Amino acid sequence: MNKRTQQIFTLLVEVGRTPGDGLPKESTGAALMCYASGVDEAEAVRETVAILKQADLSPLDVSGYGTLEERLAEGHDIDDEERALMQRALEENSVIVAQMTPFYDAPAGPDPADA
């Protein structure tokens, strides 16, 4: 039996709001930078979406940025901390949320078109 090798993929997941999601009260959603293991990017995306749903989050969109090797080939600067998180995700065969950036509606103010 030929077991395919697990790789780590960098994914950016946009999530919406659901009750009990743990996001800041005033936010309209968030962007999550994740490192996910999978034999291919499709599997990494499926696993990430499933885990985020279990955590009461509402995934809306997933953008893939490739493996470590693909990102390096594209000239991405990847620091030691990011590499350590990727290695941990690989060793644990898991999904790690490395960063969460909440989204907020722009405050209502004067419309620049009226100026």
N, C-alpha and C. Protein backbone atom coordinates (compact mmCIF):
# COMPACT_ATOMS: atom_id res chain seq x y z
N MET A 1 0.84 -1.18 0.00
CA MET A 1 0.00 0.00 0.00
C MET A 1 0.89 1.24 0.00
N ASN A 2 0.60 2.18 -0.86
CA ASN A 2 1.42 3.38 -1.00
C ASN A 2 0.78 4.54 -0.24
N LYS A 3 1.40 4.90 0.88
CA LYS A 3 0.88 6.01 1.69
C LYS A 3 1.45 7.32 1.15
N ARG A 4 0.57 8.26 0.86
CA ARG A 4 1.00 9.55 0.33
C ARG A 4 1.52 10.41 1.48
N THR A 5 2.49 11.22 1.19
CA THR A 5 3.15 12.05 2.19
C THR A 5 2.31 13.27 2.55
N GLN A 6 2.20 13.51 3.85
CA GLN A 6 1.51 14.71 4.35
C GLN A 6 2.40 15.93 4.09
N GLN A 7 1.78 17.03 3.72
CA GLN A 7 2.47 18.30 3.55
C GLN A 7 1.70 19.35 4.34
N ILE A 8 2.32 20.50 4.52
CA ILE A 8 1.64 21.60 5.20
C ILE A 8 1.32 22.68 4.18
N PHE A 9 0.08 23.13 4.24
CA PHE A 9 -0.39 24.17 3.34
C PHE A 9 -0.77 25.41 4.15
N THR A 10 -0.46 26.57 3.60
CA THR A 10 -0.85 27.84 4.22
C THR A 10 -2.19 28.25 3.61
N LEU A 11 -3.16 28.46 4.47
CA LEU A 11 -4.51 28.82 4.03
C LEU A 11 -4.97 30.09 4.73
N LEU A 12 -5.66 30.93 4.00
CA LEU A 12 -6.30 32.11 4.57
C LEU A 12 -7.80 31.86 4.49
N VAL A 13 -8.44 31.81 5.66
CA VAL A 13 -9.87 31.48 5.72
C VAL A 13 -10.64 32.70 6.21
N GLU A 14 -11.64 33.10 5.43
CA GLU A 14 -12.53 34.18 5.85
C GLU A 14 -13.74 33.54 6.52
N VAL A 15 -14.06 34.01 7.73
CA VAL A 15 -15.21 33.47 8.46
C VAL A 15 -16.22 34.58 8.72
N GLY A 16 -17.49 34.17 8.73
CA GLY A 16 -18.58 35.08 9.09
C GLY A 16 -18.92 34.88 10.56
N ARG A 17 -20.04 35.46 10.97
CA ARG A 17 -20.45 35.40 12.36
C ARG A 17 -21.45 34.28 12.59
N THR A 18 -21.32 33.62 13.73
CA THR A 18 -22.31 32.67 14.23
C THR A 18 -22.37 32.85 15.74
N PRO A 19 -23.51 32.55 16.36
CA PRO A 19 -23.59 32.66 17.82
C PRO A 19 -22.54 31.77 18.49
N GLY A 20 -21.84 32.33 19.47
CA GLY A 20 -20.85 31.56 20.22
C GLY A 20 -19.54 31.34 19.50
N ASP A 21 -19.25 32.17 18.47
CA ASP A 21 -18.03 31.95 17.70
C ASP A 21 -16.76 32.48 18.37
N GLY A 22 -16.91 33.27 19.44
CA GLY A 22 -15.74 33.76 20.16
C GLY A 22 -15.05 34.95 19.52
N LEU A 23 -15.59 35.47 18.44
CA LEU A 23 -14.99 36.64 17.80
C LEU A 23 -15.38 37.89 18.59
N PRO A 24 -14.62 38.98 18.45
CA PRO A 24 -14.99 40.21 19.15
C PRO A 24 -16.43 40.62 18.82
N LYS A 25 -17.13 41.11 19.83
CA LYS A 25 -18.57 41.39 19.73
C LYS A 25 -18.93 42.28 18.54
N GLU A 26 -18.15 43.31 18.30
CA GLU A 26 -18.48 44.28 17.26
C GLU A 26 -18.02 43.85 15.87
N SER A 27 -17.27 42.76 15.77
CA SER A 27 -16.72 42.38 14.47
C SER A 27 -17.80 41.77 13.57
N THR A 28 -17.54 41.85 12.27
CA THR A 28 -18.46 41.29 11.28
C THR A 28 -17.96 39.95 10.76
N GLY A 29 -16.80 39.53 11.21
CA GLY A 29 -16.16 38.28 10.78
C GLY A 29 -14.67 38.39 11.03
N ALA A 30 -13.91 37.52 10.39
CA ALA A 30 -12.46 37.55 10.60
C ALA A 30 -11.74 36.81 9.48
N ALA A 31 -10.46 37.09 9.38
CA ALA A 31 -9.56 36.33 8.50
C ALA A 31 -8.65 35.51 9.41
N LEU A 32 -8.53 34.22 9.11
CA LEU A 32 -7.69 33.32 9.89
C LEU A 32 -6.56 32.79 9.01
N MET A 33 -5.32 33.00 9.44
CA MET A 33 -4.17 32.41 8.75
C MET A 33 -3.94 31.05 9.40
N CYS A 34 -4.05 30.00 8.60
CA CYS A 34 -3.95 28.63 9.12
C CYS A 34 -2.84 27.85 8.42
N TYR A 35 -2.25 26.93 9.17
CA TYR A 35 -1.34 25.94 8.60
C TYR A 35 -2.02 24.60 8.79
N ALA A 36 -2.23 23.89 7.68
CA ALA A 36 -3.00 22.65 7.73
C ALA A 36 -2.28 21.54 7.01
N SER A 37 -2.34 20.34 7.59
CA SER A 37 -1.71 19.19 6.95
C SER A 37 -2.69 18.52 6.00
N GLY A 38 -2.12 17.89 4.97
CA GLY A 38 -2.92 17.14 4.02
C GLY A 38 -2.02 16.53 2.97
N VAL A 39 -2.53 15.51 2.29
CA VAL A 39 -1.75 14.92 1.20
C VAL A 39 -1.80 15.82 -0.03
N ASP A 40 -2.80 16.70 -0.08
CA ASP A 40 -2.90 17.71 -1.12
C ASP A 40 -3.67 18.91 -0.54
N GLU A 41 -3.70 19.99 -1.30
CA GLU A 41 -4.34 21.19 -0.77
C GLU A 41 -5.84 20.99 -0.55
N ALA A 42 -6.49 20.22 -1.41
CA ALA A 42 -7.93 19.98 -1.25
C ALA A 42 -8.22 19.31 0.09
N GLU A 43 -7.41 18.33 0.47
CA GLU A 43 -7.62 17.67 1.77
C GLU A 43 -7.38 18.66 2.91
N ALA A 44 -6.33 19.48 2.80
CA ALA A 44 -6.04 20.47 3.85
C ALA A 44 -7.20 21.45 4.01
N VAL A 45 -7.80 21.86 2.90
CA VAL A 45 -8.95 22.77 2.95
C VAL A 45 -10.13 22.08 3.62
N ARG A 46 -10.44 20.85 3.21
CA ARG A 46 -11.58 20.12 3.81
C ARG A 46 -11.41 19.96 5.32
N GLU A 47 -10.21 19.57 5.75
CA GLU A 47 -9.95 19.39 7.18
C GLU A 47 -10.06 20.71 7.94
N THR A 48 -9.54 21.77 7.36
CA THR A 48 -9.59 23.08 8.01
C THR A 48 -11.03 23.56 8.17
N VAL A 49 -11.81 23.46 7.11
CA VAL A 49 -13.22 23.88 7.17
C VAL A 49 -13.97 23.05 8.21
N ALA A 50 -13.75 21.74 8.24
CA ALA A 50 -14.44 20.88 9.21
C ALA A 50 -14.09 21.26 10.64
N ILE A 51 -12.82 21.51 10.91
CA ILE A 51 -12.40 21.86 12.26
C ILE A 51 -12.94 23.23 12.67
N LEU A 52 -12.93 24.19 11.76
CA LEU A 52 -13.46 25.52 12.09
C LEU A 52 -14.96 25.46 12.37
N LYS A 53 -15.68 24.63 11.62
CA LYS A 53 -17.11 24.47 11.88
C LYS A 53 -17.34 23.84 13.25
N GLN A 54 -16.50 22.88 13.65
CA GLN A 54 -16.61 22.28 14.98
C GLN A 54 -16.38 23.30 16.07
N ALA A 55 -15.60 24.34 15.75
CA ALA A 55 -15.30 25.40 16.72
C ALA A 55 -16.34 26.53 16.66
N ASP A 56 -17.49 26.26 16.06
CA ASP A 56 -18.59 27.23 15.94
C ASP A 56 -18.24 28.44 15.10
N LEU A 57 -17.30 28.28 14.17
CA LEU A 57 -16.99 29.35 13.22
C LEU A 57 -17.71 29.05 11.91
N SER A 58 -17.86 30.06 11.09
CA SER A 58 -18.60 29.93 9.83
C SER A 58 -17.70 30.26 8.64
N PRO A 59 -16.92 29.28 8.14
CA PRO A 59 -16.04 29.54 7.01
C PRO A 59 -16.82 29.97 5.76
N LEU A 60 -16.39 31.06 5.15
CA LEU A 60 -17.05 31.58 3.95
C LEU A 60 -16.19 31.38 2.71
N ASP A 61 -14.87 31.54 2.86
CA ASP A 61 -13.98 31.47 1.70
C ASP A 61 -12.60 31.01 2.17
N VAL A 62 -11.94 30.21 1.35
CA VAL A 62 -10.58 29.74 1.66
C VAL A 62 -9.68 30.04 0.48
N SER A 63 -8.55 30.70 0.75
CA SER A 63 -7.54 30.95 -0.27
C SER A 63 -6.29 30.16 0.10
N GLY A 64 -5.77 29.40 -0.85
CA GLY A 64 -4.57 28.61 -0.60
C GLY A 64 -3.33 29.34 -1.07
N TYR A 65 -2.27 29.27 -0.26
CA TYR A 65 -1.00 29.90 -0.61
C TYR A 65 0.11 28.89 -0.83
N GLY A 66 -0.24 27.58 -0.84
CA GLY A 66 0.72 26.54 -1.17
C GLY A 66 1.49 26.01 0.01
N THR A 67 2.46 25.16 -0.32
CA THR A 67 3.33 24.54 0.68
C THR A 67 4.48 25.48 1.00
N LEU A 68 5.26 25.11 2.00
CA LEU A 68 6.45 25.89 2.36
C LEU A 68 7.36 26.05 1.15
N GLU A 69 7.61 24.95 0.43
CA GLU A 69 8.50 24.98 -0.73
C GLU A 69 7.95 25.89 -1.83
N GLU A 70 6.64 25.83 -2.05
CA GLU A 70 6.02 26.68 -3.07
C GLU A 70 6.11 28.15 -2.67
N ARG A 71 5.89 28.43 -1.40
CA ARG A 71 5.96 29.82 -0.94
C ARG A 71 7.38 30.36 -1.05
N LEU A 72 8.37 29.54 -0.68
CA LEU A 72 9.76 29.97 -0.80
C LEU A 72 10.12 30.24 -2.26
N ALA A 73 9.65 29.38 -3.17
CA ALA A 73 9.93 29.54 -4.60
C ALA A 73 9.31 30.84 -5.13
N GLU A 74 8.23 31.30 -4.50
CA GLU A 74 7.58 32.54 -4.91
C GLU A 74 8.20 33.77 -4.24
N GLY A 75 9.21 33.53 -3.40
CA GLY A 75 9.91 34.65 -2.78
C GLY A 75 9.34 35.11 -1.45
N HIS A 76 8.43 34.33 -0.84
CA HIS A 76 7.88 34.70 0.46
C HIS A 76 8.97 34.63 1.52
N ASP A 77 8.94 35.58 2.44
CA ASP A 77 9.86 35.59 3.57
C ASP A 77 9.16 34.86 4.72
N ILE A 78 9.69 33.72 5.14
CA ILE A 78 9.06 32.91 6.17
C ILE A 78 10.01 32.81 7.36
N ASP A 79 9.61 33.41 8.48
CA ASP A 79 10.48 33.45 9.65
C ASP A 79 10.47 32.13 10.42
N ASP A 80 11.36 32.05 11.40
CA ASP A 80 11.52 30.81 12.18
C ASP A 80 10.25 30.45 12.95
N GLU A 81 9.53 31.45 13.47
CA GLU A 81 8.29 31.18 14.21
C GLU A 81 7.24 30.54 13.30
N GLU A 82 7.11 31.08 12.10
CA GLU A 82 6.15 30.54 11.14
C GLU A 82 6.54 29.12 10.74
N ARG A 83 7.82 28.90 10.52
CA ARG A 83 8.30 27.55 10.17
C ARG A 83 8.04 26.56 11.32
N ALA A 84 8.20 27.02 12.56
CA ALA A 84 7.97 26.16 13.72
C ALA A 84 6.49 25.77 13.81
N LEU A 85 5.59 26.71 13.53
CA LEU A 85 4.16 26.40 13.54
C LEU A 85 3.81 25.41 12.43
N MET A 86 4.42 25.59 11.27
CA MET A 86 4.20 24.65 10.17
C MET A 86 4.67 23.25 10.56
N GLN A 87 5.84 23.18 11.17
CA GLN A 87 6.39 21.88 11.58
C GLN A 87 5.49 21.23 12.63
N ARG A 88 4.97 22.02 13.54
CA ARG A 88 4.06 21.49 14.57
C ARG A 88 2.80 20.92 13.92
N ALA A 89 2.24 21.66 12.96
CA ALA A 89 1.04 21.16 12.27
C ALA A 89 1.33 19.84 11.56
N LEU A 90 2.53 19.72 10.98
CA LEU A 90 2.91 18.48 10.30
C LEU A 90 3.05 17.34 11.30
N GLU A 91 3.77 17.58 12.40
CA GLU A 91 4.00 16.54 13.40
C GLU A 91 2.71 16.09 14.06
N GLU A 92 1.77 17.01 14.26
CA GLU A 92 0.51 16.69 14.94
C GLU A 92 -0.60 16.32 13.96
N ASN A 93 -0.28 16.38 12.65
CA ASN A 93 -1.29 16.13 11.61
C ASN A 93 -2.55 16.94 11.92
N SER A 94 -2.35 18.26 12.05
CA SER A 94 -3.42 19.12 12.56
C SER A 94 -3.56 20.40 11.76
N VAL A 95 -4.48 21.22 12.23
CA VAL A 95 -4.68 22.57 11.70
C VAL A 95 -4.32 23.54 12.81
N ILE A 96 -3.46 24.48 12.51
CA ILE A 96 -3.08 25.50 13.49
C ILE A 96 -3.51 26.86 12.96
N VAL A 97 -4.28 27.57 13.79
CA VAL A 97 -4.65 28.95 13.45
C VAL A 97 -3.54 29.83 13.99
N ALA A 98 -2.75 30.39 13.08
CA ALA A 98 -1.58 31.16 13.48
C ALA A 98 -1.91 32.62 13.75
N GLN A 99 -2.95 33.13 13.10
CA GLN A 99 -3.30 34.55 13.27
C GLN A 99 -4.78 34.73 12.99
N MET A 100 -5.41 35.63 13.76
CA MET A 100 -6.81 35.96 13.56
C MET A 100 -6.92 37.48 13.48
N THR A 101 -7.49 37.96 12.38
CA THR A 101 -7.69 39.39 12.20
C THR A 101 -9.17 39.66 12.05
N PRO A 102 -9.81 40.29 13.06
CA PRO A 102 -11.25 40.56 12.96
C PRO A 102 -11.55 41.64 11.92
N PHE A 103 -12.74 41.54 11.33
CA PHE A 103 -13.24 42.56 10.40
C PHE A 103 -14.28 43.40 11.13
N TYR A 104 -14.27 44.69 10.83
CA TYR A 104 -15.26 45.61 11.40
C TYR A 104 -15.85 46.44 10.27
N ASP A 105 -17.13 46.79 10.40
CA ASP A 105 -17.73 47.72 9.44
C ASP A 105 -17.05 49.06 9.60
N ALA A 106 -16.89 49.76 8.50
CA ALA A 106 -16.32 51.11 8.56
C ALA A 106 -17.30 52.00 9.31
N PRO A 107 -16.78 52.88 10.17
CA PRO A 107 -17.68 53.78 10.89
C PRO A 107 -18.41 54.70 9.92
N ALA A 108 -19.67 54.97 10.23
CA ALA A 108 -20.45 55.88 9.39
C ALA A 108 -19.92 57.30 9.59
N GLY A 109 -19.68 57.94 8.53
CA GLY A 109 -19.17 59.32 8.61
C GLY A 109 -19.53 60.03 7.33
N PRO A 110 -18.95 61.21 7.13
CA PRO A 110 -19.24 61.93 5.89
C PRO A 110 -18.80 61.11 4.68
N ASP A 111 -19.61 61.12 3.66
CA ASP A 111 -19.28 60.41 2.43
C ASP A 111 -18.25 61.24 1.67
N PRO A 112 -17.08 60.68 1.37
CA PRO A 112 -16.05 61.46 0.64
C PRO A 112 -16.55 61.96 -0.70
N ALA A 113 -17.55 61.32 -1.27
CA ALA A 113 -18.09 61.75 -2.56
C ALA A 113 -18.83 63.08 -2.43
N ASP A 114 -19.25 63.42 -1.17
CA ASP A 114 -19.97 64.68 -0.94
C ASP A 114 -19.01 65.86 -0.78
N ALA A 115 -17.72 65.60 -0.69
CA ALA A 115 -16.77 66.69 -0.43
C ALA A 115 -16.54 67.55 -1.64
